[in-house]
Amino acid sequence: MKLPYKEIIEASSEGGYVGYIPDLKGCITQAETKTELLDMLEDAKKGWIETALESGIDILEPVHDDDFSGKFNLRLPKSLHRNLAACAKDEGVSLNQMAMCLIASGLHVPLTK
C-alpha cells in the first residue's frame, strides 16, 4: 500500500474529477472535488490491492519514468533493416525516426505526452 504508484487526476467532461493508477489496471474513481478524489483514489487502490491478493492476481511494482533511458538494442534480419532504411530514405528521415514512428503507430502510442 505504501509503494509510490503514479496517480493521474483529470477533470471530467461531466464535471468533477477522475483519478486512476495506470500500474493497477482498472483502478479508477471519480469525485466532485480534488480533495474527495484523493481520498477515494486511496480507497480504490486499497480495494484493488486487496481484491488482487484474494484472487491471486500479480501486483506490479510501480513504474517510474526514471526506469527508462529511451534506448534499447534491436536485432533485425538484414532484409528488414534494408527495407526500413529504404523507407526512411524515401521519407527523408533518419532510420531511428522511421523505426520510432512505425513502432508508435503499431502500438497506438502517442508520440507526445
PDB file of N, CA and C in Angstrom:
ATOM      1  N   MET A   1       0.820  -1.200   0.000  1.00  0.00           N
ATOM      2  CA  MET A   1       0.000   0.000   0.000  1.00  0.00           C
ATOM      3  C   MET A   1       0.862   1.263   0.000  1.00  0.00           C
ATOM      4  N   LYS A   2       2.052   1.166   0.554  1.00  0.00           N
ATOM      5  CA  LYS A   2       2.894   2.353   0.698  1.00  0.00           C
ATOM      6  C   LYS A   2       3.758   2.611  -0.543  1.00  0.00           C
ATOM      7  N   LEU A   3       3.729   1.694  -1.508  1.00  0.00           N
ATOM      8  CA  LEU A   3       4.544   1.894  -2.702  1.00  0.00           C
ATOM      9  C   LEU A   3       4.070   3.138  -3.457  1.00  0.00           C
ATOM     10  N   PRO A   4       4.998   3.876  -4.053  1.00  0.00           N
ATOM     11  CA  PRO A   4       4.657   5.151  -4.698  1.00  0.00           C
ATOM     12  C   PRO A   4       4.098   4.984  -6.118  1.00  0.00           C
ATOM     13  N   TYR A   5       2.852   4.561  -6.214  1.00  0.00           N
ATOM     14  CA  TYR A   5       2.212   4.428  -7.523  1.00  0.00           C
ATOM     15  C   TYR A   5       1.873   5.811  -8.068  1.00  0.00           C
ATOM     16  N   LYS A   6       2.065   5.974  -9.364  1.00  0.00           N
ATOM     17  CA  LYS A   6       1.724   7.237 -10.024  1.00  0.00           C
ATOM     18  C   LYS A   6       0.203   7.356 -10.101  1.00  0.00           C
ATOM     19  N   GLU A   7      -0.313   8.499  -9.667  1.00  0.00           N
ATOM     20  CA  GLU A   7      -1.747   8.760  -9.713  1.00  0.00           C
ATOM     21  C   GLU A   7      -2.009   9.839 -10.758  1.00  0.00           C
ATOM     22  N   ILE A   8      -2.973   9.594 -11.634  1.00  0.00           N
ATOM     23  CA  ILE A   8      -3.358  10.554 -12.668  1.00  0.00           C
ATOM     24  C   ILE A   8      -4.700  11.148 -12.272  1.00  0.00           C
ATOM     25  N   ILE A   9      -4.791  12.470 -12.298  1.00  0.00           N
ATOM     26  CA  ILE A   9      -6.035  13.170 -11.987  1.00  0.00           C
ATOM     27  C   ILE A   9      -6.377  14.048 -13.177  1.00  0.00           C
ATOM     28  N   GLU A  10      -7.603  13.900 -13.670  1.00  0.00           N
ATOM     29  CA  GLU A  10      -8.058  14.680 -14.820  1.00  0.00           C
ATOM     30  C   GLU A  10      -9.440  15.242 -14.527  1.00  0.00           C
ATOM     31  N   ALA A  11      -9.703  16.418 -15.090  1.00  0.00           N
ATOM     32  CA  ALA A  11     -11.047  16.988 -14.990  1.00  0.00           C
ATOM     33  C   ALA A  11     -11.981  16.146 -15.854  1.00  0.00           C
ATOM     34  N   SER A  12     -13.161  15.847 -15.348  1.00  0.00           N
ATOM     35  CA  SER A  12     -14.150  15.069 -16.084  1.00  0.00           C
ATOM     36  C   SER A  12     -14.948  15.991 -16.995  1.00  0.00           C
ATOM     37  N   SER A  13     -15.308  15.507 -18.167  1.00  0.00           N
ATOM     38  CA  SER A  13     -16.128  16.298 -19.092  1.00  0.00           C
ATOM     39  C   SER A  13     -17.535  16.503 -18.536  1.00  0.00           C
ATOM     40  N   GLU A  14     -17.919  15.692 -17.558  1.00  0.00           N
ATOM     41  CA  GLU A  14     -19.247  15.781 -16.953  1.00  0.00           C
ATOM     42  C   GLU A  14     -19.210  16.554 -15.635  1.00  0.00           C
ATOM     43  N   GLY A  15     -18.065  17.175 -15.322  1.00  0.00           N
ATOM     44  CA  GLY A  15     -17.892  17.878 -14.061  1.00  0.00           C
ATOM     45  C   GLY A  15     -17.183  17.003 -13.060  1.00  0.00           C
ATOM     46  N   GLY A  16     -16.511  17.614 -12.131  1.00  0.00           N
ATOM     47  CA  GLY A  16     -15.759  16.855 -11.146  1.00  0.00           C
ATOM     48  C   GLY A  16     -14.442  16.359 -11.711  1.00  0.00           C
ATOM     49  N   TYR A  17     -13.923  15.307 -11.101  1.00  0.00           N
ATOM     50  CA  TYR A  17     -12.607  14.794 -11.458  1.00  0.00           C
ATOM     51  C   TYR A  17     -12.611  13.271 -11.530  1.00  0.00           C
ATOM     52  N   VAL A  18     -11.697  12.761 -12.336  1.00  0.00           N
ATOM     53  CA  VAL A  18     -11.478  11.321 -12.459  1.00  0.00           C
ATOM     54  C   VAL A  18     -10.022  11.069 -12.078  1.00  0.00           C
ATOM     55  N   GLY A  19      -9.800  10.020 -11.305  1.00  0.00           N
ATOM     56  CA  GLY A  19      -8.441   9.651 -10.932  1.00  0.00           C
ATOM     57  C   GLY A  19      -8.214   8.171 -11.170  1.00  0.00           C
ATOM     58  N   TYR A  20      -7.007   7.827 -11.581  1.00  0.00           N
ATOM     59  CA  TYR A  20      -6.680   6.421 -11.793  1.00  0.00           C
ATOM     60  C   TYR A  20      -5.197   6.177 -11.577  1.00  0.00           C
ATOM     61  N   ILE A  21      -4.858   4.915 -11.399  1.00  0.00           N
ATOM     62  CA  ILE A  21      -3.478   4.481 -11.200  1.00  0.00           C
ATOM     63  C   ILE A  21      -3.131   3.562 -12.364  1.00  0.00           C
ATOM     64  N   PRO A  22      -2.343   4.045 -13.326  1.00  0.00           N
ATOM     65  CA  PRO A  22      -2.060   3.265 -14.539  1.00  0.00           C
ATOM     66  C   PRO A  22      -1.434   1.893 -14.277  1.00  0.00           C
ATOM     67  N   ASP A  23      -0.611   1.769 -13.243  1.00  0.00           N
ATOM     68  CA  ASP A  23       0.047   0.489 -12.959  1.00  0.00           C
ATOM     69  C   ASP A  23      -0.895  -0.547 -12.370  1.00  0.00           C
ATOM     70  N   LEU A  24      -2.067  -0.111 -11.907  1.00  0.00           N
ATOM     71  CA  LEU A  24      -3.072  -1.020 -11.355  1.00  0.00           C
ATOM     72  C   LEU A  24      -4.277  -0.975 -12.288  1.00  0.00           C
ATOM     73  N   LYS A  25      -4.218  -1.760 -13.334  1.00  0.00           N
ATOM     74  CA  LYS A  25      -5.216  -1.718 -14.405  1.00  0.00           C
ATOM     75  C   LYS A  25      -6.645  -1.824 -13.860  1.00  0.00           C
ATOM     76  N   GLY A  26      -7.442  -0.799 -14.158  1.00  0.00           N
ATOM     77  CA  GLY A  26      -8.829  -0.788 -13.715  1.00  0.00           C
ATOM     78  C   GLY A  26      -9.040  -0.065 -12.396  1.00  0.00           C
ATOM     79  N   CYS A  27      -7.975   0.419 -11.780  1.00  0.00           N
ATOM     80  CA  CYS A  27      -8.095   1.161 -10.514  1.00  0.00           C
ATOM     81  C   CYS A  27      -8.423   2.608 -10.858  1.00  0.00           C
ATOM     82  N   ILE A  28      -9.697   2.950 -10.770  1.00  0.00           N
ATOM     83  CA  ILE A  28     -10.180   4.257 -11.206  1.00  0.00           C
ATOM     84  C   ILE A  28     -11.335   4.686 -10.307  1.00  0.00           C
ATOM     85  N   THR A  29     -11.475   5.982 -10.117  1.00  0.00           N
ATOM     86  CA  THR A  29     -12.587   6.517  -9.335  1.00  0.00           C
ATOM     87  C   THR A  29     -12.869   7.943  -9.785  1.00  0.00           C
ATOM     88  N   GLN A  30     -13.960   8.496  -9.298  1.00  0.00           N
ATOM     89  CA  GLN A  30     -14.287   9.881  -9.626  1.00  0.00           C
ATOM     90  C   GLN A  30     -14.936  10.551  -8.431  1.00  0.00           C
ATOM     91  N   ALA A  31     -14.845  11.897  -8.413  1.00  0.00           N
ATOM     92  CA  ALA A  31     -15.406  12.673  -7.308  1.00  0.00           C
ATOM     93  C   ALA A  31     -15.650  14.101  -7.784  1.00  0.00           C
ATOM     94  N   GLU A  32     -16.366  14.848  -6.967  1.00  0.00           N
ATOM     95  CA  GLU A  32     -16.685  16.235  -7.301  1.00  0.00           C
ATOM     96  C   GLU A  32     -15.501  17.178  -7.096  1.00  0.00           C
ATOM     97  N   THR A  33     -14.675  16.923  -6.073  1.00  0.00           N
ATOM     98  CA  THR A  33     -13.538  17.801  -5.792  1.00  0.00           C
ATOM     99  C   THR A  33     -12.246  16.993  -5.795  1.00  0.00           C
ATOM    100  N   LYS A  34     -11.124  17.705  -5.958  1.00  0.00           N
ATOM    101  CA  LYS A  34      -9.825  17.033  -5.930  1.00  0.00           C
ATOM    102  C   LYS A  34      -9.550  16.423  -4.558  1.00  0.00           C
ATOM    103  N   THR A  35      -9.956  17.110  -3.508  1.00  0.00           N
ATOM    104  CA  THR A  35      -9.739  16.588  -2.155  1.00  0.00           C
ATOM    105  C   THR A  35     -10.474  15.266  -1.966  1.00  0.00           C
ATOM    106  N   GLU A  36     -11.746  15.237  -2.377  1.00  0.00           N
ATOM    107  CA  GLU A  36     -12.521  13.988  -2.296  1.00  0.00           C
ATOM    108  C   GLU A  36     -11.868  12.908  -3.148  1.00  0.00           C
ATOM    109  N   LEU A  37     -11.430  13.313  -4.326  1.00  0.00           N
ATOM    110  CA  LEU A  37     -10.846  12.356  -5.263  1.00  0.00           C
ATOM    111  C   LEU A  37      -9.616  11.680  -4.667  1.00  0.00           C
ATOM    112  N   LEU A  38      -8.754  12.439  -4.017  1.00  0.00           N
ATOM    113  CA  LEU A  38      -7.545  11.852  -3.441  1.00  0.00           C
ATOM    114  C   LEU A  38      -7.890  10.807  -2.388  1.00  0.00           C
ATOM    115  N   ASP A  39      -8.884  11.096  -1.551  1.00  0.00           N
ATOM    116  CA  ASP A  39      -9.317  10.113  -0.556  1.00  0.00           C
ATOM    117  C   ASP A  39      -9.917   8.878  -1.231  1.00  0.00           C
ATOM    118  N   MET A  40     -10.748   9.108  -2.230  1.00  0.00           N
ATOM    119  CA  MET A  40     -11.408   7.996  -2.923  1.00  0.00           C
ATOM    120  C   MET A  40     -10.404   7.159  -3.710  1.00  0.00           C
ATOM    121  N   LEU A  41      -9.379   7.820  -4.262  1.00  0.00           N
ATOM    122  CA  LEU A  41      -8.364   7.083  -5.019  1.00  0.00           C
ATOM    123  C   LEU A  41      -7.555   6.190  -4.075  1.00  0.00           C
ATOM    124  N   GLU A  42      -7.292   6.672  -2.881  1.00  0.00           N
ATOM    125  CA  GLU A  42      -6.594   5.850  -1.889  1.00  0.00           C
ATOM    126  C   GLU A  42      -7.441   4.631  -1.523  1.00  0.00           C
ATOM    127  N   ASP A  43      -8.755   4.838  -1.353  1.00  0.00           N
ATOM    128  CA  ASP A  43      -9.667   3.714  -1.078  1.00  0.00           C
ATOM    129  C   ASP A  43      -9.725   2.745  -2.256  1.00  0.00           C
ATOM    130  N   ALA A  44      -9.751   3.297  -3.476  1.00  0.00           N
ATOM    131  CA  ALA A  44      -9.789   2.448  -4.669  1.00  0.00           C
ATOM    132  C   ALA A  44      -8.521   1.605  -4.764  1.00  0.00           C
ATOM    133  N   LYS A  45      -7.369   2.216  -4.468  1.00  0.00           N
ATOM    134  CA  LYS A  45      -6.099   1.481  -4.502  1.00  0.00           C
ATOM    135  C   LYS A  45      -6.114   0.354  -3.468  1.00  0.00           C
ATOM    136  N   LYS A  46      -6.567   0.662  -2.269  1.00  0.00           N
ATOM    137  CA  LYS A  46      -6.630  -0.357  -1.209  1.00  0.00           C
ATOM    138  C   LYS A  46      -7.547  -1.511  -1.626  1.00  0.00           C
ATOM    139  N   GLY A  47      -8.726  -1.184  -2.150  1.00  0.00           N
ATOM    140  CA  GLY A  47      -9.660  -2.217  -2.601  1.00  0.00           C
ATOM    141  C   GLY A  47      -9.098  -3.033  -3.744  1.00  0.00           C
ATOM    142  N   TRP A  48      -8.418  -2.366  -4.681  1.00  0.00           N
ATOM    143  CA  TRP A  48      -7.835  -3.056  -5.835  1.00  0.00           C
ATOM    144  C   TRP A  48      -6.786  -4.061  -5.359  1.00  0.00           C
ATOM    145  N   ILE A  49      -5.900  -3.612  -4.466  1.00  0.00           N
ATOM    146  CA  ILE A  49      -4.828  -4.483  -3.980  1.00  0.00           C
ATOM    147  C   ILE A  49      -5.390  -5.644  -3.164  1.00  0.00           C
ATOM    148  N   GLU A  50      -6.369  -5.372  -2.300  1.00  0.00           N
ATOM    149  CA  GLU A  50      -6.986  -6.447  -1.509  1.00  0.00           C
ATOM    150  C   GLU A  50      -7.635  -7.486  -2.412  1.00  0.00           C
ATOM    151  N   THR A  51      -8.360  -7.037  -3.425  1.00  0.00           N
ATOM    152  CA  THR A  51      -9.010  -7.956  -4.363  1.00  0.00           C
ATOM    153  C   THR A  51      -7.979  -8.768  -5.133  1.00  0.00           C
ATOM    154  N   ALA A  52      -6.901  -8.107  -5.561  1.00  0.00           N
ATOM    155  CA  ALA A  52      -5.844  -8.812  -6.291  1.00  0.00           C
ATOM    156  C   ALA A  52      -5.212  -9.892  -5.415  1.00  0.00           C
ATOM    157  N   LEU A  53      -4.947  -9.568  -4.169  1.00  0.00           N
ATOM    158  CA  LEU A  53      -4.356 -10.546  -3.252  1.00  0.00           C
ATOM    159  C   LEU A  53      -5.289 -11.738  -3.041  1.00  0.00           C
ATOM    160  N   GLU A  54      -6.577 -11.457  -2.836  1.00  0.00           N
ATOM    161  CA  GLU A  54      -7.558 -12.529  -2.626  1.00  0.00           C
ATOM    162  C   GLU A  54      -7.721 -13.399  -3.869  1.00  0.00           C
ATOM    163  N   SER A  55      -7.562 -12.802  -5.040  1.00  0.00           N
ATOM    164  CA  SER A  55      -7.771 -13.515  -6.302  1.00  0.00           C
ATOM    165  C   SER A  55      -6.494 -14.121  -6.865  1.00  0.00           C
ATOM    166  N   GLY A  56      -5.372 -13.873  -6.218  1.00  0.00           N
ATOM    167  CA  GLY A  56      -4.102 -14.406  -6.708  1.00  0.00           C
ATOM    168  C   GLY A  56      -3.576 -13.685  -7.931  1.00  0.00           C
ATOM    169  N   ILE A  57      -4.001 -12.456  -8.137  1.00  0.00           N
ATOM    170  CA  ILE A  57      -3.544 -11.650  -9.271  1.00  0.00           C
ATOM    171  C   ILE A  57      -2.216 -10.991  -8.901  1.00  0.00           C
ATOM    172  N   ASP A  58      -1.259 -11.020  -9.843  1.00  0.00           N
ATOM    173  CA  ASP A  58       0.033 -10.381  -9.601  1.00  0.00           C
ATOM    174  C   ASP A  58      -0.152  -8.878  -9.462  1.00  0.00           C
ATOM    175  N   ILE A  59       0.529  -8.302  -8.490  1.00  0.00           N
ATOM    176  CA  ILE A  59       0.501  -6.859  -8.277  1.00  0.00           C
ATOM    177  C   ILE A  59       1.852  -6.315  -8.725  1.00  0.00           C
ATOM    178  N   LEU A  60       1.839  -5.528  -9.778  1.00  0.00           N
ATOM    179  CA  LEU A  60       3.076  -4.994 -10.332  1.00  0.00           C
ATOM    180  C   LEU A  60       3.645  -3.895  -9.442  1.00  0.00           C
ATOM    181  N   GLU A  61       4.967  -3.827  -9.410  1.00  0.00           N
ATOM    182  CA  GLU A  61       5.640  -2.732  -8.722  1.00  0.00           C
ATOM    183  C   GLU A  61       5.386  -1.449  -9.515  1.00  0.00           C
ATOM    184  N   PRO A  62       5.426  -0.302  -8.867  1.00  0.00           N
ATOM    185  CA  PRO A  62       5.239   0.955  -9.603  1.00  0.00           C
ATOM    186  C   PRO A  62       6.325   1.139 -10.657  1.00  0.00           C
ATOM    187  N   VAL A  63       5.955   1.706 -11.783  1.00  0.00           N
ATOM    188  CA  VAL A  63       6.893   2.013 -12.860  1.00  0.00           C
ATOM    189  C   VAL A  63       7.121   3.509 -12.850  1.00  0.00           C
ATOM    190  N   HIS A  64       8.373   3.908 -12.959  1.00  0.00           N
ATOM    191  CA  HIS A  64       8.716   5.330 -12.954  1.00  0.00           C
ATOM    192  C   HIS A  64       9.444   5.682 -14.244  1.00  0.00           C
ATOM    193  N   ASP A  65       9.284   6.905 -14.708  1.00  0.00           N
ATOM    194  CA  ASP A  65       9.948   7.345 -15.928  1.00  0.00           C
ATOM    195  C   ASP A  65      11.458   7.198 -15.832  1.00  0.00           C
ATOM    196  N   ASP A  66      12.010   7.295 -14.615  1.00  0.00           N
ATOM    197  CA  ASP A  66      13.457   7.141 -14.424  1.00  0.00           C
ATOM    198  C   ASP A  66      13.933   5.737 -14.767  1.00  0.00           C
ATOM    199  N   ASP A  67      12.995   4.768 -14.820  1.00  0.00           N
ATOM    200  CA  ASP A  67      13.359   3.384 -15.109  1.00  0.00           C
ATOM    201  C   ASP A  67      13.689   3.165 -16.588  1.00  0.00           C
ATOM    202  N   PHE A  68      13.441   4.183 -17.432  1.00  0.00           N
ATOM    203  CA  PHE A  68      13.603   4.025 -18.870  1.00  0.00           C
ATOM    204  C   PHE A  68      14.556   5.076 -19.419  1.00  0.00           C
ATOM    205  N   SER A  69      15.558   4.621 -20.157  1.00  0.00           N
ATOM    206  CA  SER A  69      16.543   5.540 -20.727  1.00  0.00           C
ATOM    207  C   SER A  69      16.108   6.065 -22.086  1.00  0.00           C
ATOM    208  N   GLY A  70      15.164   5.384 -22.719  1.00  0.00           N
ATOM    209  CA  GLY A  70      14.789   5.770 -24.079  1.00  0.00           C
ATOM    210  C   GLY A  70      15.622   5.049 -25.129  1.00  0.00           C
ATOM    211  N   LYS A  71      16.482   4.155 -24.687  1.00  0.00           N
ATOM    212  CA  LYS A  71      17.346   3.420 -25.617  1.00  0.00           C
ATOM    213  C   LYS A  71      17.211   1.924 -25.384  1.00  0.00           C
ATOM    214  N   PHE A  72      17.222   1.165 -26.484  1.00  0.00           N
ATOM    215  CA  PHE A  72      17.322  -0.286 -26.395  1.00  0.00           C
ATOM    216  C   PHE A  72      17.869  -0.787 -27.717  1.00  0.00           C
ATOM    217  N   ASN A  73      18.479  -1.965 -27.688  1.00  0.00           N
ATOM    218  CA  ASN A  73      19.044  -2.558 -28.896  1.00  0.00           C
ATOM    219  C   ASN A  73      18.026  -3.499 -29.512  1.00  0.00           C
ATOM    220  N   LEU A  74      17.988  -3.521 -30.830  1.00  0.00           N
ATOM    221  CA  LEU A  74      17.057  -4.382 -31.536  1.00  0.00           C
ATOM    222  C   LEU A  74      17.789  -5.049 -32.689  1.00  0.00           C
ATOM    223  N   ARG A  75      17.744  -6.356 -32.732  1.00  0.00           N
ATOM    224  CA  ARG A  75      18.369  -7.091 -33.837  1.00  0.00           C
ATOM    225  C   ARG A  75      17.291  -7.435 -34.856  1.00  0.00           C
ATOM    226  N   LEU A  76      17.607  -7.173 -36.132  1.00  0.00           N
ATOM    227  CA  LEU A  76      16.665  -7.405 -37.232  1.00  0.00           C
ATOM    228  C   LEU A  76      17.303  -8.283 -38.288  1.00  0.00           C
ATOM    229  N   PRO A  77      16.485  -8.970 -39.046  1.00  0.00           N
ATOM    230  CA  PRO A  77      17.036  -9.621 -40.247  1.00  0.00           C
ATOM    231  C   PRO A  77      17.566  -8.536 -41.189  1.00  0.00           C
ATOM    232  N   LYS A  78      18.624  -8.861 -41.921  1.00  0.00           N
ATOM    233  CA  LYS A  78      19.231  -7.875 -42.832  1.00  0.00           C
ATOM    234  C   LYS A  78      18.218  -7.316 -43.831  1.00  0.00           C
ATOM    235  N   SER A  79      17.314  -8.161 -44.310  1.00  0.00           N
ATOM    236  CA  SER A  79      16.338  -7.695 -45.304  1.00  0.00           C
ATOM    237  C   SER A  79      15.384  -6.651 -44.704  1.00  0.00           C
ATOM    238  N   LEU A  80      14.986  -6.854 -43.458  1.00  0.00           N
ATOM    239  CA  LEU A  80      14.113  -5.888 -42.804  1.00  0.00           C
ATOM    240  C   LEU A  80      14.852  -4.580 -42.549  1.00  0.00           C
ATOM    241  N   HIS A  81      16.110  -4.671 -42.140  1.00  0.00           N
ATOM    242  CA  HIS A  81      16.939  -3.486 -41.929  1.00  0.00           C
ATOM    243  C   HIS A  81      17.056  -2.694 -43.235  1.00  0.00           C
ATOM    244  N   ARG A  82      17.306  -3.410 -44.335  1.00  0.00           N
ATOM    245  CA  ARG A  82      17.437  -2.768 -45.644  1.00  0.00           C
ATOM    246  C   ARG A  82      16.132  -2.079 -46.036  1.00  0.00           C
ATOM    247  N   ASN A  83      14.983  -2.759 -45.867  1.00  0.00           N
ATOM    248  CA  ASN A  83      13.689  -2.171 -46.229  1.00  0.00           C
ATOM    249  C   ASN A  83      13.358  -0.962 -45.366  1.00  0.00           C
ATOM    250  N   LEU A  84      13.665  -1.053 -44.093  1.00  0.00           N
ATOM    251  CA  LEU A  84      13.412   0.060 -43.180  1.00  0.00           C
ATOM    252  C   LEU A  84      14.278   1.260 -43.558  1.00  0.00           C
ATOM    253  N   ALA A  85      15.541   1.013 -43.871  1.00  0.00           N
ATOM    254  CA  ALA A  85      16.446   2.091 -44.274  1.00  0.00           C
ATOM    255  C   ALA A  85      15.969   2.738 -45.579  1.00  0.00           C
ATOM    256  N   ALA A  86      15.475   1.933 -46.505  1.00  0.00           N
ATOM    257  CA  ALA A  86      14.972   2.475 -47.774  1.00  0.00           C
ATOM    258  C   ALA A  86      13.736   3.343 -47.538  1.00  0.00           C
ATOM    259  N   CYS A  87      12.835   2.911 -46.659  1.00  0.00           N
ATOM    260  CA  CYS A  87      11.639   3.717 -46.336  1.00  0.00           C
ATOM    261  C   CYS A  87      12.032   5.035 -45.698  1.00  0.00           C
ATOM    262  N   ALA A  88      13.004   4.988 -44.792  1.00  0.00           N
ATOM    263  CA  ALA A  88      13.466   6.206 -44.119  1.00  0.00           C
ATOM    264  C   ALA A  88      14.066   7.174 -45.139  1.00  0.00           C
ATOM    265  N   LYS A  89      14.845   6.643 -46.042  1.00  0.00           N
ATOM    266  CA  LYS A  89      15.462   7.483 -47.071  1.00  0.00           C
ATOM    267  C   LYS A  89      14.391   8.118 -47.954  1.00  0.00           C
ATOM    268  N   ASP A  90      13.397   7.333 -48.365  1.00  0.00           N
ATOM    269  CA  ASP A  90      12.304   7.847 -49.201  1.00  0.00           C
ATOM    270  C   ASP A  90      11.537   8.965 -48.499  1.00  0.00           C
ATOM    271  N   GLU A  91      11.395   8.856 -47.173  1.00  0.00           N
ATOM    272  CA  GLU A  91      10.659   9.855 -46.389  1.00  0.00           C
ATOM    273  C   GLU A  91      11.541  11.022 -45.972  1.00  0.00           C
ATOM    274  N   GLY A  92      12.848  10.892 -46.153  1.00  0.00           N
ATOM    275  CA  GLY A  92      13.764  11.958 -45.771  1.00  0.00           C
ATOM    276  C   GLY A  92      13.955  12.085 -44.264  1.00  0.00           C
ATOM    277  N   VAL A  93      13.877  10.951 -43.558  1.00  0.00           N
ATOM    278  CA  VAL A  93      14.060  10.951 -42.108  1.00  0.00           C
ATOM    279  C   VAL A  93      15.131   9.939 -41.743  1.00  0.00           C
ATOM    280  N   SER A  94      15.584   9.995 -40.503  1.00  0.00           N
ATOM    281  CA  SER A  94      16.593   9.038 -40.050  1.00  0.00           C
ATOM    282  C   SER A  94      15.966   7.658 -39.864  1.00  0.00           C
ATOM    283  N   LEU A  95      16.832   6.667 -39.884  1.00  0.00           N
ATOM    284  CA  LEU A  95      16.381   5.291 -39.636  1.00  0.00           C
ATOM    285  C   LEU A  95      15.741   5.203 -38.252  1.00  0.00           C
ATOM    286  N   ASN A  96      16.338   5.872 -37.275  1.00  0.00           N
ATOM    287  CA  ASN A  96      15.812   5.870 -35.914  1.00  0.00           C
ATOM    288  C   ASN A  96      14.408   6.481 -35.868  1.00  0.00           C
ATOM    289  N   GLN A  97      14.231   7.619 -36.531  1.00  0.00           N
ATOM    290  CA  GLN A  97      12.923   8.278 -36.517  1.00  0.00           C
ATOM    291  C   GLN A  97      11.870   7.417 -37.219  1.00  0.00           C
ATOM    292  N   MET A  98      12.243   6.786 -38.318  1.00  0.00           N
ATOM    293  CA  MET A  98      11.307   5.924 -39.040  1.00  0.00           C
ATOM    294  C   MET A  98      10.881   4.744 -38.156  1.00  0.00           C
ATOM    295  N   ALA A  99      11.843   4.112 -37.509  1.00  0.00           N
ATOM    296  CA  ALA A  99      11.527   2.967 -36.644  1.00  0.00           C
ATOM    297  C   ALA A  99      10.636   3.400 -35.478  1.00  0.00           C
ATOM    298  N   MET A 100      10.950   4.555 -34.875  1.00  0.00           N
ATOM    299  CA  MET A 100      10.156   5.048 -33.750  1.00  0.00           C
ATOM    300  C   MET A 100       8.707   5.307 -34.177  1.00  0.00           C
ATOM    301  N   CYS A 101       8.522   5.942 -35.318  1.00  0.00           N
ATOM    302  CA  CYS A 101       7.165   6.232 -35.799  1.00  0.00           C
ATOM    303  C   CYS A 101       6.385   4.956 -36.107  1.00  0.00           C
ATOM    304  N   LEU A 102       7.035   3.984 -36.721  1.00  0.00           N
ATOM    305  CA  LEU A 102       6.363   2.730 -37.034  1.00  0.00           C
ATOM    306  C   LEU A 102       5.990   1.961 -35.774  1.00  0.00           C
ATOM    307  N   ILE A 103       6.881   1.943 -34.798  1.00  0.00           N
ATOM    308  CA  ILE A 103       6.576   1.268 -33.537  1.00  0.00           C
ATOM    309  C   ILE A 103       5.415   1.961 -32.846  1.00  0.00           C
ATOM    310  N   ALA A 104       5.475   3.292 -32.761  1.00  0.00           N
ATOM    311  CA  ALA A 104       4.412   4.050 -32.089  1.00  0.00           C
ATOM    312  C   ALA A 104       3.070   3.865 -32.783  1.00  0.00           C
ATOM    313  N   SER A 105       3.055   3.865 -34.099  1.00  0.00           N
ATOM    314  CA  SER A 105       1.776   3.712 -34.806  1.00  0.00           C
ATOM    315  C   SER A 105       1.234   2.303 -34.666  1.00  0.00           C
ATOM    316  N   GLY A 106       2.105   1.313 -34.577  1.00  0.00           N
ATOM    317  CA  GLY A 106       1.664  -0.064 -34.402  1.00  0.00           C
ATOM    318  C   GLY A 106       1.153  -0.353 -33.005  1.00  0.00           C
ATOM    319  N   LEU A 107       1.685   0.370 -32.027  1.00  0.00           N
ATOM    320  CA  LEU A 107       1.270   0.176 -30.649  1.00  0.00           C
ATOM    321  C   LEU A 107       0.188   1.163 -30.242  1.00  0.00           C
ATOM    322  N   HIS A 108      -0.127   2.082 -31.117  1.00  0.00           N
ATOM    323  CA  HIS A 108      -1.088   3.154 -30.823  1.00  0.00           C
ATOM    324  C   HIS A 108      -0.625   3.961 -29.624  1.00  0.00           C
ATOM    325  N   VAL A 109       0.695   4.228 -29.594  1.00  0.00           N
ATOM    326  CA  VAL A 109       1.286   5.006 -28.520  1.00  0.00           C
ATOM    327  C   VAL A 109       1.424   6.448 -28.995  1.00  0.00           C
ATOM    328  N   PRO A 110       0.917   7.416 -28.265  1.00  0.00           N
ATOM    329  CA  PRO A 110       1.091   8.807 -28.695  1.00  0.00           C
ATOM    330  C   PRO A 110       2.564   9.192 -28.651  1.00  0.00           C
ATOM    331  N   LEU A 111       2.989  10.015 -29.598  1.00  0.00           N
ATOM    332  CA  LEU A 111       4.391  10.436 -29.642  1.00  0.00           C
ATOM    333  C   LEU A 111       4.669  11.562 -28.667  1.00  0.00           C
ATOM    334  N   THR A 112       3.625  12.214 -28.144  1.00  0.00           N
ATOM    335  CA  THR A 112       3.803  13.265 -27.153  1.00  0.00           C
ATOM    336  C   THR A 112       2.961  12.945 -25.948  1.00  0.00           C
ATOM    337  N   LYS A 113       3.358  13.471 -24.818  1.00  0.00           N
ATOM    338  CA  LYS A 113       2.602  13.244 -23.589  1.00  0.00           C
ATOM    339  C   LYS A 113       1.627  14.347 -23.362  1.00  0.00           C
TER     340      LYS A 113
END
